[in-house]
C-alpha atoms as a PDB file:
ATOM      1  CA  UNK A   1      -1.216  10.292 -13.083  1.00  0.00           C
ATOM      2  CA  UNK A   2      -2.751   7.979 -10.313  1.00  0.00           C
ATOM      3  CA  UNK A   3      -1.985   5.411 -12.297  1.00  0.00           C
ATOM      4  CA  UNK A   4       1.401   6.510 -12.915  1.00  0.00           C
ATOM      5  CA  UNK A   5       2.078   6.774  -9.381  1.00  0.00           C
ATOM      6  CA  UNK A   6       0.689   3.592  -8.224  1.00  0.00           C
ATOM      7  CA  UNK A   7       2.986   1.931 -11.010  1.00  0.00           C
ATOM      8  CA  UNK A   8       5.972   3.295  -9.342  1.00  0.00           C
ATOM      9  CA  UNK A   9       5.205   2.472  -6.135  1.00  0.00           C
ATOM     10  CA  UNK A  10       4.139  -1.467  -7.596  1.00  0.00           C
ATOM     11  CA  UNK A  11       8.045  -1.210  -8.847  1.00  0.00           C
ATOM     12  CA  UNK A  12       9.623   0.400  -5.553  1.00  0.00           C
ATOM     13  CA  UNK A  13       6.837   0.333  -2.451  1.00  0.00           C
ATOM     14  CA  UNK A  14       9.825   2.017  -0.226  1.00  0.00           C
ATOM     15  CA  UNK A  15      10.231   5.033  -2.386  1.00  0.00           C
ATOM     16  CA  UNK A  16       9.330   7.716   0.293  1.00  0.00           C
ATOM     17  CA  UNK A  17       9.703  10.561  -2.321  1.00  0.00           C
ATOM     18  CA  UNK A  18       7.446   8.948  -4.585  1.00  0.00           C
ATOM     19  CA  UNK A  19       4.427   8.171  -1.148  1.00  0.00           C
ATOM     20  CA  UNK A  20       4.845  11.797  -0.517  1.00  0.00           C
ATOM     21  CA  UNK A  21       4.583  13.248  -4.413  1.00  0.00           C
ATOM     22  CA  UNK A  22       1.700  10.731  -4.569  1.00  0.00           C
ATOM     23  CA  UNK A  23       0.135  12.043  -1.303  1.00  0.00           C
ATOM     24  CA  UNK A  24       0.656  15.559  -2.172  1.00  0.00           C
ATOM     25  CA  UNK A  25      -1.199  14.804  -6.100  1.00  0.00           C
ATOM     26  CA  UNK A  26      -4.031  12.923  -4.097  1.00  0.00           C
ATOM     27  CA  UNK A  27      -4.782  15.661  -1.768  1.00  0.00           C
ATOM     28  CA  UNK A  28      -4.491  18.381  -4.805  1.00  0.00           C
ATOM     29  CA  UNK A  29      -7.248  16.056  -6.475  1.00  0.00           C
ATOM     30  CA  UNK A  30      -9.840  15.724  -3.708  1.00  0.00           C
ATOM     31  CA  UNK A  31      -8.261  12.443  -2.406  1.00  0.00           C
ATOM     32  CA  UNK A  32      -7.898  13.483   0.891  1.00  0.00           C
ATOM     33  CA  UNK A  33      -8.488  10.274   2.942  1.00  0.00           C
ATOM     34  CA  UNK A  34      -5.754   8.354   0.543  1.00  0.00           C
ATOM     35  CA  UNK A  35      -3.246  11.206   0.888  1.00  0.00           C
ATOM     36  CA  UNK A  36      -3.390  10.433   4.664  1.00  0.00           C
ATOM     37  CA  UNK A  37      -2.779   6.776   4.464  1.00  0.00           C
ATOM     38  CA  UNK A  38       0.040   7.891   1.876  1.00  0.00           C
ATOM     39  CA  UNK A  39       1.512  10.232   4.481  1.00  0.00           C
ATOM     40  CA  UNK A  40       1.381   7.764   7.383  1.00  0.00           C
ATOM     41  CA  UNK A  41       3.298   5.332   5.074  1.00  0.00           C
ATOM     42  CA  UNK A  42       6.686   3.862   6.530  1.00  0.00           C
ATOM     43  CA  UNK A  43       8.915   1.033   5.278  1.00  0.00           C
ATOM     44  CA  UNK A  44       8.160  -0.506   8.492  1.00  0.00           C
ATOM     45  CA  UNK A  45       4.620  -0.464   8.113  1.00  0.00           C
ATOM     46  CA  UNK A  46       4.684  -1.565   4.496  1.00  0.00           C
ATOM     47  CA  UNK A  47       6.804  -4.744   5.824  1.00  0.00           C
ATOM     48  CA  UNK A  48       3.979  -5.455   8.455  1.00  0.00           C
ATOM     49  CA  UNK A  49       1.364  -5.226   5.737  1.00  0.00           C
ATOM     50  CA  UNK A  50       3.502  -7.887   3.843  1.00  0.00           C
ATOM     51  CA  UNK A  51       4.445 -10.143   6.325  1.00  0.00           C
ATOM     52  CA  UNK A  52       0.420 -10.118   7.202  1.00  0.00           C
ATOM     53  CA  UNK A  53      -0.927 -11.062   3.782  1.00  0.00           C
ATOM     54  CA  UNK A  54       1.821 -13.676   3.771  1.00  0.00           C
ATOM     55  CA  UNK A  55       0.467 -15.212   6.804  1.00  0.00           C
ATOM     56  CA  UNK A  56      -3.160 -14.575   5.823  1.00  0.00           C
ATOM     57  CA  UNK A  57      -2.945 -16.264   2.552  1.00  0.00           C
ATOM     58  CA  UNK A  58      -1.044 -19.096   4.466  1.00  0.00           C
ATOM     59  CA  UNK A  59      -4.020 -19.389   6.427  1.00  0.00           C
ATOM     60  CA  UNK A  60      -6.276 -19.160   3.778  1.00  0.00           C
ATOM     61  CA  UNK A  61      -4.798 -21.872   1.449  1.00  0.00           C
ATOM     62  CA  UNK A  62      -4.901 -24.749   4.459  1.00  0.00           C
ATOM     63  CA  UNK A  63      -8.724 -23.517   4.899  1.00  0.00           C
ATOM     64  CA  UNK A  64     -11.280 -26.245   3.952  1.00  0.00           C
ATOM     65  CA  UNK A  65     -14.981 -25.398   3.547  1.00  0.00           C
ATOM     66  CA  UNK A  66     -15.818 -29.138   3.475  1.00  0.00           C
ATOM     67  CA  UNK A  67     -15.718 -29.308   7.170  1.00  0.00           C
END
């Protein structure tokens, strides 16, 4: 079931209903901390995280460990 929720969120990361249903399922199955993360999720936070990852990847791609 966890994999099904994760697949649905990968397909549509902005779906609030799936986030909240997933949080309920996580809590019912003993994953309280992960449930709290899902409940704290917002579309704005998702977009901030995506922007951070793009920026971080850009920094890493310019990294030269030969220095």
